């Protein structure tokens, strides 16, 4: 079903973007970013595009993994749909950039977020204040209806706490305090995080590109055929 406009009628200007992730937290975060940017984009999960194919995230880089996921889903998405994939992670200076591209699997192939967080707490236990710098990075790969790929990157620097704080967010959010703040991402809440985060900053670049160049797809290319 096509998305209705405020009048209850179908708005043909709205474009569907399929997010290549099974992570419901990421889906909600990107949907919120799209709403906040007031772009004519509707973010949906891969189940509406036939399901997310199994993809081995084995390229060793954020860009490689994001591109690989986007290409895999684009091949099965409906004609006219856009596909967006991200690969993101936490890079810790004292750990030589780890967990980095392996952030989702830091504690093992099961991808257990709680276990990943506990492992990082243990790894950083003896690291003193002043040496606990880290940054989140996000690489987005957007594939438009023609198959062209567009890449956007965002970073957010900060420091790691000794113990997790806060109940919002996900992943390493309870341990990460963004620069200029004294609360973790899990304490600051979604509204603040969506202004500061690595994903927010990568999305801002995507939004700037869309307003400058991507808007032509509102007039050209195949219409959305939602199922």
N, C-alpha and C. Protein backbone atom coordinates (compact mmCIF):
# COMPACT_ATOMS: atom_id res chain seq x y z
N UNK A 1 0.84 -1.19 0.00
CA UNK A 1 0.00 0.00 0.00
C UNK A 1 0.88 1.24 0.00
N UNK A 2 0.54 2.21 -0.81
CA UNK A 2 1.33 3.43 -0.87
C UNK A 2 1.03 4.31 0.34
N UNK A 3 2.05 5.11 0.76
CA UNK A 3 1.85 5.96 1.93
C UNK A 3 0.89 7.09 1.64
N UNK A 4 -0.09 7.33 2.52
CA UNK A 4 -1.04 8.41 2.29
C UNK A 4 -0.47 9.75 2.68
N UNK A 5 -1.00 10.79 2.08
CA UNK A 5 -0.64 12.15 2.48
C UNK A 5 -1.54 12.57 3.62
N UNK A 6 -1.36 13.80 4.08
CA UNK A 6 -2.18 14.29 5.20
C UNK A 6 -3.66 14.33 4.82
N UNK A 7 -3.96 14.46 3.52
CA UNK A 7 -5.35 14.51 3.10
C UNK A 7 -5.97 13.13 2.97
N UNK A 8 -5.15 12.08 3.18
CA UNK A 8 -5.64 10.72 3.05
C UNK A 8 -5.42 10.14 1.67
N UNK A 9 -4.91 10.95 0.73
CA UNK A 9 -4.64 10.47 -0.61
C UNK A 9 -3.18 10.06 -0.75
N UNK A 10 -2.88 9.24 -1.72
CA UNK A 10 -1.52 8.81 -1.97
C UNK A 10 -0.68 9.99 -2.44
N UNK A 11 0.48 10.16 -1.85
CA UNK A 11 1.41 11.21 -2.26
C UNK A 11 2.48 10.58 -3.14
N UNK A 12 2.44 10.78 -4.45
CA UNK A 12 3.39 10.13 -5.34
C UNK A 12 4.81 10.65 -5.18
N UNK A 13 5.01 11.74 -4.44
CA UNK A 13 6.35 12.29 -4.28
C UNK A 13 7.16 11.53 -3.23
N UNK A 14 6.49 10.79 -2.35
CA UNK A 14 7.20 10.08 -1.28
C UNK A 14 7.93 8.88 -1.86
N UNK A 15 9.19 8.75 -1.52
CA UNK A 15 10.00 7.64 -1.99
C UNK A 15 10.26 6.65 -0.86
N UNK A 16 10.17 5.38 -1.18
CA UNK A 16 10.41 4.32 -0.21
C UNK A 16 11.89 3.99 -0.16
N UNK A 17 12.45 3.96 1.04
CA UNK A 17 13.84 3.57 1.26
C UNK A 17 13.83 2.32 2.13
N UNK A 18 14.38 1.23 1.62
CA UNK A 18 14.44 -0.02 2.36
C UNK A 18 15.78 -0.07 3.10
N UNK A 19 15.72 -0.21 4.41
CA UNK A 19 16.92 -0.24 5.22
C UNK A 19 17.41 -1.67 5.38
N UNK A 20 18.65 -1.91 5.00
CA UNK A 20 19.21 -3.25 5.00
C UNK A 20 19.72 -3.63 6.39
N UNK A 21 18.78 -3.90 7.30
CA UNK A 21 19.14 -4.30 8.65
C UNK A 21 18.00 -5.08 9.27
N UNK A 22 18.36 -5.99 10.15
CA UNK A 22 17.37 -6.67 10.95
C UNK A 22 17.29 -6.09 12.35
N UNK A 23 18.04 -5.02 12.59
CA UNK A 23 18.11 -4.39 13.90
C UNK A 23 16.98 -3.37 14.04
N UNK A 24 15.99 -3.68 14.87
CA UNK A 24 14.82 -2.82 14.99
C UNK A 24 15.19 -1.46 15.59
N UNK A 25 16.25 -1.42 16.41
CA UNK A 25 16.69 -0.14 16.98
C UNK A 25 17.20 0.79 15.87
N UNK A 26 17.98 0.24 14.96
CA UNK A 26 18.47 1.04 13.84
C UNK A 26 17.32 1.50 12.95
N UNK A 27 16.38 0.61 12.71
CA UNK A 27 15.22 0.97 11.88
C UNK A 27 14.48 2.15 12.48
N UNK A 28 14.24 2.09 13.80
CA UNK A 28 13.56 3.19 14.46
C UNK A 28 14.37 4.48 14.44
N UNK A 29 15.69 4.35 14.58
CA UNK A 29 16.54 5.54 14.59
C UNK A 29 16.55 6.22 13.22
N UNK A 30 16.67 5.43 12.15
CA UNK A 30 16.67 6.02 10.82
C UNK A 30 15.30 6.60 10.46
N UNK A 31 14.24 5.94 10.89
CA UNK A 31 12.90 6.49 10.63
C UNK A 31 12.75 7.83 11.32
N UNK A 32 13.28 7.95 12.54
CA UNK A 32 13.23 9.22 13.26
C UNK A 32 14.06 10.29 12.58
N UNK A 33 15.23 9.91 12.06
CA UNK A 33 16.08 10.87 11.35
C UNK A 33 15.39 11.37 10.09
N UNK A 34 14.71 10.46 9.38
CA UNK A 34 14.01 10.86 8.16
C UNK A 34 12.88 11.84 8.48
N UNK A 35 12.14 11.56 9.55
CA UNK A 35 11.05 12.46 9.93
C UNK A 35 11.61 13.83 10.32
N UNK A 36 12.68 13.84 11.09
CA UNK A 36 13.24 15.10 11.57
C UNK A 36 13.79 15.95 10.43
N UNK A 37 14.28 15.30 9.38
CA UNK A 37 14.86 16.04 8.26
C UNK A 37 13.81 16.52 7.28
N UNK A 38 12.55 16.10 7.48
CA UNK A 38 11.43 16.53 6.64
C UNK A 38 11.65 16.20 5.16
N UNK A 39 12.36 15.13 4.88
CA UNK A 39 12.53 14.69 3.50
C UNK A 39 11.36 13.80 3.09
N UNK A 40 11.00 13.78 1.81
CA UNK A 40 9.89 12.94 1.35
C UNK A 40 10.32 11.48 1.18
N UNK A 41 10.79 10.90 2.29
CA UNK A 41 11.30 9.53 2.28
C UNK A 41 10.59 8.72 3.36
N UNK A 42 10.26 7.49 3.02
CA UNK A 42 9.62 6.58 3.97
C UNK A 42 10.58 5.42 4.21
N UNK A 43 11.02 5.24 5.44
CA UNK A 43 11.98 4.18 5.79
C UNK A 43 11.20 2.93 6.20
N UNK A 44 11.51 1.81 5.55
CA UNK A 44 10.88 0.55 5.91
C UNK A 44 11.96 -0.51 6.11
N UNK A 45 11.59 -1.62 6.74
CA UNK A 45 12.52 -2.71 6.96
C UNK A 45 12.57 -3.66 5.77
N UNK A 46 13.53 -4.56 5.74
CA UNK A 46 13.72 -5.45 4.60
C UNK A 46 12.63 -6.49 4.42
N UNK A 47 11.81 -6.74 5.45
CA UNK A 47 10.76 -7.74 5.29
C UNK A 47 9.77 -7.34 4.21
N UNK A 48 9.60 -6.02 3.98
CA UNK A 48 8.68 -5.54 2.95
C UNK A 48 9.30 -5.61 1.55
N UNK A 49 10.58 -6.00 1.50
CA UNK A 49 11.26 -6.12 0.21
C UNK A 49 11.68 -7.56 -0.05
N UNK A 50 10.99 -8.50 0.57
CA UNK A 50 11.32 -9.91 0.37
C UNK A 50 12.27 -10.49 1.38
N UNK A 51 12.65 -9.70 2.39
CA UNK A 51 13.54 -10.19 3.43
C UNK A 51 14.99 -9.84 3.16
N UNK A 52 15.74 -9.72 4.23
CA UNK A 52 17.16 -9.39 4.11
C UNK A 52 17.95 -10.65 3.80
N UNK A 53 18.67 -10.69 2.66
CA UNK A 53 19.49 -11.85 2.35
C UNK A 53 20.62 -12.01 3.36
N UNK A 54 21.09 -13.22 3.54
CA UNK A 54 22.23 -13.46 4.41
C UNK A 54 23.47 -12.84 3.78
N UNK A 55 24.16 -12.01 4.56
CA UNK A 55 25.35 -11.33 4.06
C UNK A 55 26.47 -11.51 5.09
N UNK A 56 27.59 -12.04 4.65
CA UNK A 56 28.75 -12.15 5.52
C UNK A 56 29.48 -10.81 5.53
N UNK A 57 29.53 -10.19 6.70
CA UNK A 57 30.18 -8.88 6.81
C UNK A 57 31.67 -9.10 7.03
N UNK A 58 32.34 -9.46 5.96
CA UNK A 58 33.72 -9.93 6.06
C UNK A 58 34.72 -9.11 5.26
N UNK A 59 34.34 -7.90 4.87
CA UNK A 59 35.24 -7.11 4.03
C UNK A 59 36.37 -6.44 4.82
N UNK A 60 36.18 -6.31 6.14
CA UNK A 60 37.20 -5.68 6.96
C UNK A 60 37.12 -4.17 7.04
N UNK A 61 36.14 -3.57 6.34
CA UNK A 61 35.96 -2.12 6.39
C UNK A 61 34.49 -1.78 6.53
N UNK A 62 34.21 -0.61 7.11
CA UNK A 62 32.83 -0.16 7.23
C UNK A 62 32.22 0.07 5.85
N UNK A 63 32.98 0.69 4.95
CA UNK A 63 32.49 0.95 3.60
C UNK A 63 32.20 -0.35 2.87
N UNK A 64 33.10 -1.30 2.96
CA UNK A 64 32.91 -2.58 2.27
C UNK A 64 31.68 -3.31 2.75
N UNK A 65 31.48 -3.34 4.07
CA UNK A 65 30.33 -4.05 4.62
C UNK A 65 29.01 -3.35 4.26
N UNK A 66 29.00 -2.02 4.36
CA UNK A 66 27.78 -1.29 4.03
C UNK A 66 27.41 -1.50 2.57
N UNK A 67 28.39 -1.42 1.69
CA UNK A 67 28.14 -1.60 0.26
C UNK A 67 27.66 -3.01 -0.04
N UNK A 68 28.26 -3.99 0.59
CA UNK A 68 27.89 -5.38 0.36
C UNK A 68 26.44 -5.64 0.77
N UNK A 69 26.03 -5.10 1.92
CA UNK A 69 24.66 -5.28 2.38
C UNK A 69 23.66 -4.57 1.46
N UNK A 70 24.01 -3.35 1.06
CA UNK A 70 23.11 -2.58 0.19
C UNK A 70 22.91 -3.28 -1.15
N UNK A 71 23.99 -3.76 -1.74
CA UNK A 71 23.88 -4.43 -3.04
C UNK A 71 23.05 -5.70 -2.95
N UNK A 72 23.23 -6.46 -1.87
CA UNK A 72 22.49 -7.71 -1.71
C UNK A 72 20.99 -7.46 -1.63
N UNK A 73 20.59 -6.43 -0.90
CA UNK A 73 19.16 -6.15 -0.76
C UNK A 73 18.60 -5.47 -2.01
N UNK A 74 19.39 -4.62 -2.64
CA UNK A 74 18.91 -3.90 -3.84
C UNK A 74 18.52 -4.87 -4.94
N UNK A 75 19.22 -5.98 -5.03
CA UNK A 75 18.94 -6.95 -6.09
C UNK A 75 17.56 -7.59 -5.95
N UNK A 76 16.99 -7.56 -4.74
CA UNK A 76 15.67 -8.16 -4.57
C UNK A 76 14.57 -7.15 -4.25
N UNK A 77 14.91 -5.87 -4.13
CA UNK A 77 13.91 -4.85 -3.81
C UNK A 77 13.05 -4.55 -5.04
N UNK A 78 11.87 -3.96 -4.81
CA UNK A 78 10.96 -3.59 -5.89
C UNK A 78 11.59 -2.53 -6.79
N UNK A 79 11.25 -2.57 -8.04
CA UNK A 79 11.70 -1.54 -8.97
C UNK A 79 11.25 -0.17 -8.47
N UNK A 80 12.15 0.80 -8.47
CA UNK A 80 11.82 2.14 -8.03
C UNK A 80 12.15 2.41 -6.58
N UNK A 81 12.40 1.36 -5.81
CA UNK A 81 12.75 1.58 -4.41
C UNK A 81 14.22 1.90 -4.28
N UNK A 82 14.52 2.67 -3.25
CA UNK A 82 15.89 2.95 -2.86
C UNK A 82 16.28 1.95 -1.77
N UNK A 83 17.56 1.68 -1.65
CA UNK A 83 18.06 0.80 -0.59
C UNK A 83 19.16 1.53 0.17
N UNK A 84 19.09 1.45 1.48
CA UNK A 84 20.09 2.08 2.33
C UNK A 84 20.67 1.06 3.30
N UNK A 85 21.99 1.01 3.37
CA UNK A 85 22.65 0.15 4.34
C UNK A 85 23.67 0.97 5.12
N UNK A 86 23.83 0.63 6.38
CA UNK A 86 24.88 1.28 7.15
C UNK A 86 25.78 0.22 7.75
N UNK A 87 27.00 0.59 7.97
CA UNK A 87 27.88 -0.21 8.82
C UNK A 87 28.52 0.77 9.77
N UNK A 88 28.48 0.44 11.02
CA UNK A 88 28.92 1.38 12.02
C UNK A 88 29.57 0.64 13.16
N UNK A 89 30.32 1.37 13.98
CA UNK A 89 30.97 0.75 15.10
C UNK A 89 31.69 1.75 15.97
N UNK A 90 32.22 1.24 17.06
CA UNK A 90 32.93 2.05 18.05
C UNK A 90 34.42 1.75 17.95
N UNK A 91 35.21 2.79 17.78
CA UNK A 91 36.66 2.66 17.69
C UNK A 91 37.29 3.28 18.93
N UNK A 92 38.00 2.47 19.69
CA UNK A 92 38.57 2.90 20.97
C UNK A 92 40.07 3.10 20.81
N UNK A 93 40.54 4.29 21.15
CA UNK A 93 41.95 4.64 20.93
C UNK A 93 42.89 3.73 21.71
N UNK A 94 42.57 3.46 22.98
CA UNK A 94 43.45 2.64 23.82
C UNK A 94 43.51 1.18 23.38
N UNK A 95 42.55 0.78 22.56
CA UNK A 95 42.52 -0.61 22.07
C UNK A 95 42.95 -0.70 20.61
N UNK A 96 43.63 0.32 20.13
CA UNK A 96 44.10 0.30 18.76
C UNK A 96 42.99 0.34 17.73
N UNK A 97 41.86 0.95 18.09
CA UNK A 97 40.74 1.06 17.16
C UNK A 97 39.70 -0.03 17.31
N UNK A 98 39.95 -1.03 18.15
CA UNK A 98 38.93 -2.04 18.40
C UNK A 98 37.78 -1.46 19.22
N UNK A 99 36.62 -2.07 19.20
CA UNK A 99 36.21 -3.20 18.37
C UNK A 99 36.01 -2.87 16.90
N UNK A 100 35.85 -1.59 16.57
CA UNK A 100 35.83 -1.17 15.17
C UNK A 100 34.80 -1.87 14.33
N UNK A 101 35.26 -2.38 13.19
CA UNK A 101 34.34 -3.00 12.24
C UNK A 101 33.72 -4.28 12.80
N UNK A 102 34.30 -4.81 13.88
CA UNK A 102 33.75 -6.01 14.52
C UNK A 102 32.89 -5.67 15.74
N UNK A 103 32.43 -4.44 15.83
CA UNK A 103 31.69 -4.00 17.02
C UNK A 103 30.49 -4.86 17.34
N UNK A 104 29.75 -5.28 16.32
CA UNK A 104 28.54 -6.07 16.55
C UNK A 104 28.85 -7.49 17.02
N UNK A 105 30.12 -7.94 16.80
CA UNK A 105 30.48 -9.33 17.12
C UNK A 105 31.70 -9.38 18.03
N UNK A 106 31.91 -8.33 18.80
CA UNK A 106 33.09 -8.21 19.65
C UNK A 106 33.22 -9.37 20.62
N UNK A 107 32.11 -9.82 21.18
CA UNK A 107 32.14 -10.90 22.16
C UNK A 107 31.87 -12.27 21.54
N UNK A 108 31.76 -12.33 20.21
CA UNK A 108 31.53 -13.62 19.56
C UNK A 108 30.53 -13.52 18.44
N UNK A 109 30.43 -14.59 17.65
CA UNK A 109 29.58 -14.56 16.45
C UNK A 109 28.09 -14.47 16.73
N UNK A 110 27.67 -14.65 17.98
CA UNK A 110 26.25 -14.56 18.30
C UNK A 110 25.74 -13.14 18.25
N UNK A 111 26.63 -12.16 18.22
CA UNK A 111 26.21 -10.76 18.13
C UNK A 111 25.38 -10.30 19.32
N UNK A 112 25.78 -10.70 20.52
CA UNK A 112 25.05 -10.37 21.74
C UNK A 112 25.50 -8.99 22.23
N UNK A 113 24.59 -8.00 22.17
CA UNK A 113 24.95 -6.63 22.51
C UNK A 113 25.37 -6.50 23.98
N UNK A 114 24.67 -7.20 24.87
CA UNK A 114 25.02 -7.12 26.29
C UNK A 114 26.41 -7.70 26.54
N UNK A 115 26.72 -8.82 25.89
CA UNK A 115 28.04 -9.43 26.05
C UNK A 115 29.13 -8.54 25.46
N UNK A 116 28.84 -7.89 24.35
CA UNK A 116 29.80 -6.97 23.75
C UNK A 116 30.13 -5.83 24.72
N UNK A 117 29.11 -5.29 25.35
CA UNK A 117 29.29 -4.18 26.28
C UNK A 117 30.13 -4.61 27.48
N UNK A 118 29.82 -5.77 28.03
CA UNK A 118 30.56 -6.27 29.19
C UNK A 118 32.02 -6.54 28.84
N UNK A 119 32.27 -7.04 27.65
CA UNK A 119 33.65 -7.30 27.23
C UNK A 119 34.42 -5.99 27.12
N UNK A 120 33.78 -4.96 26.60
CA UNK A 120 34.46 -3.67 26.47
C UNK A 120 34.73 -3.06 27.85
N UNK A 121 33.79 -3.17 28.77
CA UNK A 121 34.01 -2.68 30.14
C UNK A 121 35.24 -3.35 30.74
N UNK A 122 35.35 -4.66 30.57
CA UNK A 122 36.48 -5.41 31.13
C UNK A 122 37.79 -5.01 30.45
N UNK A 123 37.75 -4.84 29.14
CA UNK A 123 38.96 -4.49 28.39
C UNK A 123 39.49 -3.11 28.78
N UNK A 124 38.59 -2.21 29.20
CA UNK A 124 38.97 -0.84 29.52
C UNK A 124 39.12 -0.60 31.02
N UNK A 125 39.00 -1.64 31.82
CA UNK A 125 38.98 -1.48 33.28
C UNK A 125 40.23 -0.78 33.81
N UNK A 126 41.40 -1.11 33.27
CA UNK A 126 42.64 -0.55 33.79
C UNK A 126 43.08 0.73 33.07
N UNK A 127 42.30 1.20 32.10
CA UNK A 127 42.67 2.39 31.34
C UNK A 127 42.21 3.62 32.11
N UNK A 128 43.13 4.53 32.44
CA UNK A 128 42.77 5.67 33.29
C UNK A 128 42.04 6.79 32.55
N UNK A 129 41.49 7.71 33.31
CA UNK A 129 40.91 8.93 32.75
C UNK A 129 41.95 9.62 31.88
N UNK A 130 41.49 10.25 30.84
CA UNK A 130 42.40 10.94 29.94
C UNK A 130 42.91 10.08 28.81
N UNK A 131 42.71 8.76 28.93
CA UNK A 131 43.15 7.84 27.87
C UNK A 131 41.99 6.97 27.39
N UNK A 132 40.76 7.44 27.65
CA UNK A 132 39.59 6.64 27.33
C UNK A 132 38.82 7.20 26.13
N UNK A 133 39.55 7.87 25.25
CA UNK A 133 38.93 8.44 24.06
C UNK A 133 38.44 7.38 23.09
N UNK A 134 37.34 7.69 22.40
CA UNK A 134 36.76 6.77 21.44
C UNK A 134 35.90 7.56 20.47
N UNK A 135 35.54 6.94 19.38
CA UNK A 135 34.60 7.58 18.47
C UNK A 135 33.73 6.53 17.79
N UNK A 136 32.49 6.90 17.59
CA UNK A 136 31.59 6.10 16.77
C UNK A 136 31.74 6.57 15.33
N UNK A 137 31.72 5.63 14.41
CA UNK A 137 31.72 5.98 12.99
C UNK A 137 30.61 5.24 12.27
N UNK A 138 30.07 5.85 11.25
CA UNK A 138 29.00 5.26 10.46
C UNK A 138 29.25 5.55 8.99
N UNK A 139 29.14 4.53 8.17
CA UNK A 139 29.20 4.69 6.72
C UNK A 139 27.86 4.25 6.14
N UNK A 140 27.23 5.12 5.37
CA UNK A 140 25.97 4.80 4.70
C UNK A 140 26.22 4.57 3.22
N UNK A 141 25.61 3.54 2.69
CA UNK A 141 25.60 3.31 1.24
C UNK A 141 24.16 3.34 0.77
N UNK A 142 23.84 4.33 -0.03
CA UNK A 142 22.49 4.50 -0.58
C UNK A 142 22.52 4.14 -2.06
N UNK A 143 21.67 3.21 -2.46
CA UNK A 143 21.56 2.84 -3.87
C UNK A 143 20.24 3.37 -4.40
N UNK A 144 20.32 4.22 -5.44
CA UNK A 144 19.12 4.82 -5.99
C UNK A 144 18.47 3.89 -7.00
N UNK A 145 17.29 4.24 -7.53
CA UNK A 145 16.59 3.34 -8.44
C UNK A 145 17.34 2.98 -9.71
N UNK A 146 18.36 3.76 -10.08
CA UNK A 146 19.15 3.44 -11.27
C UNK A 146 20.28 2.46 -10.98
N UNK A 147 20.52 2.20 -9.70
CA UNK A 147 21.63 1.33 -9.31
C UNK A 147 22.89 2.10 -8.94
N UNK A 148 22.87 3.42 -9.03
CA UNK A 148 24.02 4.22 -8.65
C UNK A 148 24.17 4.23 -7.13
N UNK A 149 25.41 4.21 -6.67
CA UNK A 149 25.69 4.17 -5.24
C UNK A 149 26.20 5.53 -4.74
N UNK A 150 25.73 5.91 -3.56
CA UNK A 150 26.10 7.18 -2.95
C UNK A 150 26.53 6.89 -1.51
N UNK A 151 27.69 7.39 -1.12
CA UNK A 151 28.28 7.05 0.18
C UNK A 151 28.40 8.30 1.05
N UNK A 152 28.04 8.14 2.33
CA UNK A 152 28.09 9.24 3.29
C UNK A 152 28.66 8.70 4.61
N UNK A 153 29.49 9.50 5.25
CA UNK A 153 30.14 9.05 6.49
C UNK A 153 29.96 10.08 7.59
N UNK A 154 29.79 9.59 8.82
CA UNK A 154 29.68 10.47 9.97
C UNK A 154 30.44 9.91 11.15
N UNK A 155 30.97 10.80 11.99
CA UNK A 155 31.69 10.41 13.20
C UNK A 155 31.21 11.22 14.39
N UNK A 156 31.33 10.61 15.56
CA UNK A 156 31.03 11.31 16.81
C UNK A 156 32.07 10.89 17.83
N UNK A 157 32.87 11.86 18.29
CA UNK A 157 33.92 11.58 19.25
C UNK A 157 33.47 11.77 20.68
N UNK A 158 34.18 11.12 21.58
CA UNK A 158 33.85 11.23 23.00
C UNK A 158 34.78 10.40 23.85
N UNK A 159 34.29 9.99 25.01
CA UNK A 159 35.07 9.20 25.97
C UNK A 159 34.20 8.09 26.54
N UNK A 160 34.86 7.07 27.06
CA UNK A 160 34.16 5.93 27.64
C UNK A 160 34.11 6.04 29.17
N UNK A 161 32.96 5.72 29.72
CA UNK A 161 32.80 5.63 31.16
C UNK A 161 33.46 4.36 31.68
N UNK A 162 33.59 4.27 33.00
CA UNK A 162 34.09 3.04 33.61
C UNK A 162 32.98 2.01 33.78
N UNK A 163 31.75 2.50 33.99
CA UNK A 163 30.60 1.60 34.11
C UNK A 163 29.45 2.17 33.26
N UNK A 164 28.65 1.31 32.67
CA UNK A 164 27.54 1.78 31.84
C UNK A 164 26.52 2.58 32.65
N UNK A 165 25.93 3.58 31.98
CA UNK A 165 24.88 4.39 32.61
C UNK A 165 23.78 4.65 31.61
N UNK A 166 22.53 4.58 32.10
CA UNK A 166 21.39 4.91 31.26
C UNK A 166 20.70 3.68 30.71
N UNK A 167 19.44 3.87 30.32
CA UNK A 167 18.63 2.75 29.87
C UNK A 167 18.11 2.93 28.44
N UNK A 168 18.37 4.08 27.83
CA UNK A 168 17.92 4.28 26.46
C UNK A 168 19.04 3.91 25.49
N UNK A 169 18.73 3.98 24.19
CA UNK A 169 19.74 3.63 23.20
C UNK A 169 19.96 2.13 23.13
N UNK A 170 21.08 1.75 22.54
CA UNK A 170 21.39 0.32 22.39
C UNK A 170 22.89 0.17 22.16
N UNK A 171 23.35 -1.07 22.12
CA UNK A 171 24.76 -1.33 21.87
C UNK A 171 25.66 -0.74 22.94
N UNK A 172 26.63 0.05 22.51
CA UNK A 172 27.61 0.64 23.44
C UNK A 172 27.16 1.99 23.99
N UNK A 173 25.95 2.40 23.71
CA UNK A 173 25.47 3.72 24.12
C UNK A 173 25.63 4.00 25.62
N UNK A 174 25.39 3.01 26.51
CA UNK A 174 25.50 3.31 27.94
C UNK A 174 26.93 3.62 28.40
N UNK A 175 27.93 3.32 27.59
CA UNK A 175 29.32 3.52 27.99
C UNK A 175 29.94 4.77 27.35
N UNK A 176 29.27 5.33 26.35
CA UNK A 176 29.87 6.38 25.54
C UNK A 176 29.30 7.75 25.89
N UNK A 177 30.19 8.68 26.23
CA UNK A 177 29.80 10.07 26.52
C UNK A 177 30.32 10.94 25.37
N UNK A 178 29.44 11.55 24.58
CA UNK A 178 29.90 12.38 23.47
C UNK A 178 30.62 13.63 23.96
N UNK A 179 31.55 14.09 23.19
CA UNK A 179 32.36 15.24 23.55
C UNK A 179 31.47 16.46 23.80
N UNK A 180 31.74 17.15 24.93
CA UNK A 180 30.96 18.32 25.29
C UNK A 180 29.79 18.02 26.21
N UNK A 181 29.59 16.75 26.54
CA UNK A 181 28.49 16.34 27.41
C UNK A 181 29.04 15.56 28.60
N UNK A 182 28.23 15.38 29.63
CA UNK A 182 28.64 14.57 30.77
C UNK A 182 27.69 13.41 31.02
N UNK A 183 26.82 13.16 30.05
CA UNK A 183 25.92 12.00 30.12
C UNK A 183 26.18 11.08 28.94
N UNK A 184 25.88 9.81 29.14
CA UNK A 184 26.06 8.84 28.07
C UNK A 184 24.93 8.98 27.04
N UNK A 185 25.15 8.39 25.87
CA UNK A 185 24.08 8.37 24.87
C UNK A 185 22.82 7.74 25.44
N UNK A 186 22.98 6.75 26.32
CA UNK A 186 21.82 6.06 26.89
C UNK A 186 21.10 6.91 27.92
N UNK A 187 21.73 7.99 28.38
CA UNK A 187 21.09 8.92 29.31
C UNK A 187 20.52 10.14 28.59
N UNK A 188 21.14 10.54 27.49
CA UNK A 188 20.75 11.77 26.81
C UNK A 188 19.41 11.65 26.11
N UNK A 189 19.05 10.45 25.67
CA UNK A 189 17.76 10.25 25.01
C UNK A 189 17.84 10.42 23.50
N UNK A 190 16.78 9.96 22.84
CA UNK A 190 16.76 9.88 21.39
C UNK A 190 16.88 11.24 20.72
N UNK A 191 16.20 12.25 21.24
CA UNK A 191 16.19 13.56 20.58
C UNK A 191 17.59 14.15 20.51
N UNK A 192 18.33 14.08 21.62
CA UNK A 192 19.69 14.62 21.65
C UNK A 192 20.61 13.75 20.81
N UNK A 193 20.48 12.45 20.95
CA UNK A 193 21.34 11.54 20.18
C UNK A 193 21.16 11.76 18.68
N UNK A 194 19.93 12.01 18.26
CA UNK A 194 19.67 12.19 16.83
C UNK A 194 20.24 13.49 16.28
N UNK A 195 20.74 14.34 17.15
CA UNK A 195 21.47 15.54 16.70
C UNK A 195 22.98 15.31 16.67
N UNK A 196 23.45 14.36 17.50
CA UNK A 196 24.90 14.22 17.73
C UNK A 196 25.53 12.98 17.13
N UNK A 197 24.77 11.93 16.97
CA UNK A 197 25.37 10.62 16.72
C UNK A 197 26.04 10.53 15.36
N UNK A 198 26.86 9.50 15.23
CA UNK A 198 27.53 9.21 13.96
C UNK A 198 26.53 8.95 12.86
N UNK A 199 25.43 8.24 13.20
CA UNK A 199 24.40 7.99 12.19
C UNK A 199 23.69 9.28 11.81
N UNK A 200 23.45 10.13 12.81
CA UNK A 200 22.80 11.42 12.54
C UNK A 200 23.67 12.27 11.62
N UNK A 201 24.97 12.27 11.85
CA UNK A 201 25.86 13.09 11.04
C UNK A 201 26.00 12.55 9.63
N UNK A 202 26.02 11.23 9.49
CA UNK A 202 26.03 10.65 8.15
C UNK A 202 24.71 10.94 7.44
N UNK A 203 23.60 10.84 8.17
CA UNK A 203 22.28 11.14 7.58
C UNK A 203 22.19 12.59 7.16
N UNK A 204 22.76 13.50 7.95
CA UNK A 204 22.74 14.91 7.58
C UNK A 204 23.41 15.14 6.23
N UNK A 205 24.51 14.43 5.98
CA UNK A 205 25.19 14.54 4.69
C UNK A 205 24.32 13.98 3.57
N UNK A 206 23.64 12.84 3.86
CA UNK A 206 22.71 12.28 2.88
C UNK A 206 21.60 13.27 2.58
N UNK A 207 21.05 13.89 3.63
CA UNK A 207 19.96 14.84 3.45
C UNK A 207 20.40 16.05 2.63
N UNK A 208 21.62 16.53 2.88
CA UNK A 208 22.15 17.66 2.10
C UNK A 208 22.29 17.28 0.64
N UNK A 209 22.79 16.06 0.38
CA UNK A 209 22.92 15.59 -1.00
C UNK A 209 21.54 15.49 -1.65
N UNK A 210 20.58 14.95 -0.93
CA UNK A 210 19.25 14.75 -1.50
C UNK A 210 18.62 16.09 -1.86
N UNK A 211 18.76 17.08 -0.98
CA UNK A 211 18.18 18.39 -1.27
C UNK A 211 18.87 19.05 -2.45
N UNK A 212 20.18 18.77 -2.62
CA UNK A 212 20.93 19.42 -3.70
C UNK A 212 20.81 18.68 -5.02
N UNK A 213 20.74 17.35 -4.98
CA UNK A 213 20.78 16.56 -6.22
C UNK A 213 19.74 15.46 -6.27
N UNK A 214 19.50 14.81 -5.14
CA UNK A 214 18.61 13.66 -5.15
C UNK A 214 17.16 14.00 -5.42
N UNK A 215 16.79 15.28 -5.23
CA UNK A 215 15.40 15.68 -5.42
C UNK A 215 14.93 15.44 -6.85
N UNK A 216 15.87 15.31 -7.80
CA UNK A 216 15.44 15.07 -9.18
C UNK A 216 14.69 13.76 -9.33
N UNK A 217 14.91 12.83 -8.37
CA UNK A 217 14.22 11.55 -8.45
C UNK A 217 12.73 11.69 -8.11
N UNK A 218 12.36 12.85 -7.59
CA UNK A 218 10.94 13.08 -7.33
C UNK A 218 10.18 13.35 -8.64
N UNK A 219 10.94 13.71 -9.68
CA UNK A 219 10.31 14.00 -10.95
C UNK A 219 10.64 12.95 -12.01
N UNK A 220 11.76 12.23 -11.81
CA UNK A 220 12.22 11.29 -12.80
C UNK A 220 12.28 9.89 -12.19
N UNK A 221 12.40 8.91 -13.06
CA UNK A 221 12.53 7.55 -12.60
C UNK A 221 11.20 6.89 -12.37
N UNK A 222 11.18 5.60 -12.10
CA UNK A 222 9.94 4.86 -11.93
C UNK A 222 9.20 5.25 -10.67
N UNK A 223 7.89 5.20 -10.74
CA UNK A 223 7.07 5.48 -9.57
C UNK A 223 7.15 4.33 -8.60
N UNK A 224 6.85 4.60 -7.35
CA UNK A 224 6.88 3.56 -6.33
C UNK A 224 5.71 2.59 -6.54
N UNK A 225 6.02 1.32 -6.48
CA UNK A 225 4.97 0.30 -6.56
C UNK A 225 5.02 -0.50 -5.27
N UNK A 226 4.43 0.04 -4.23
CA UNK A 226 4.43 -0.62 -2.94
C UNK A 226 3.50 -1.83 -2.96
N UNK A 227 3.92 -2.85 -2.25
CA UNK A 227 3.07 -4.05 -2.16
C UNK A 227 2.35 -4.06 -0.82
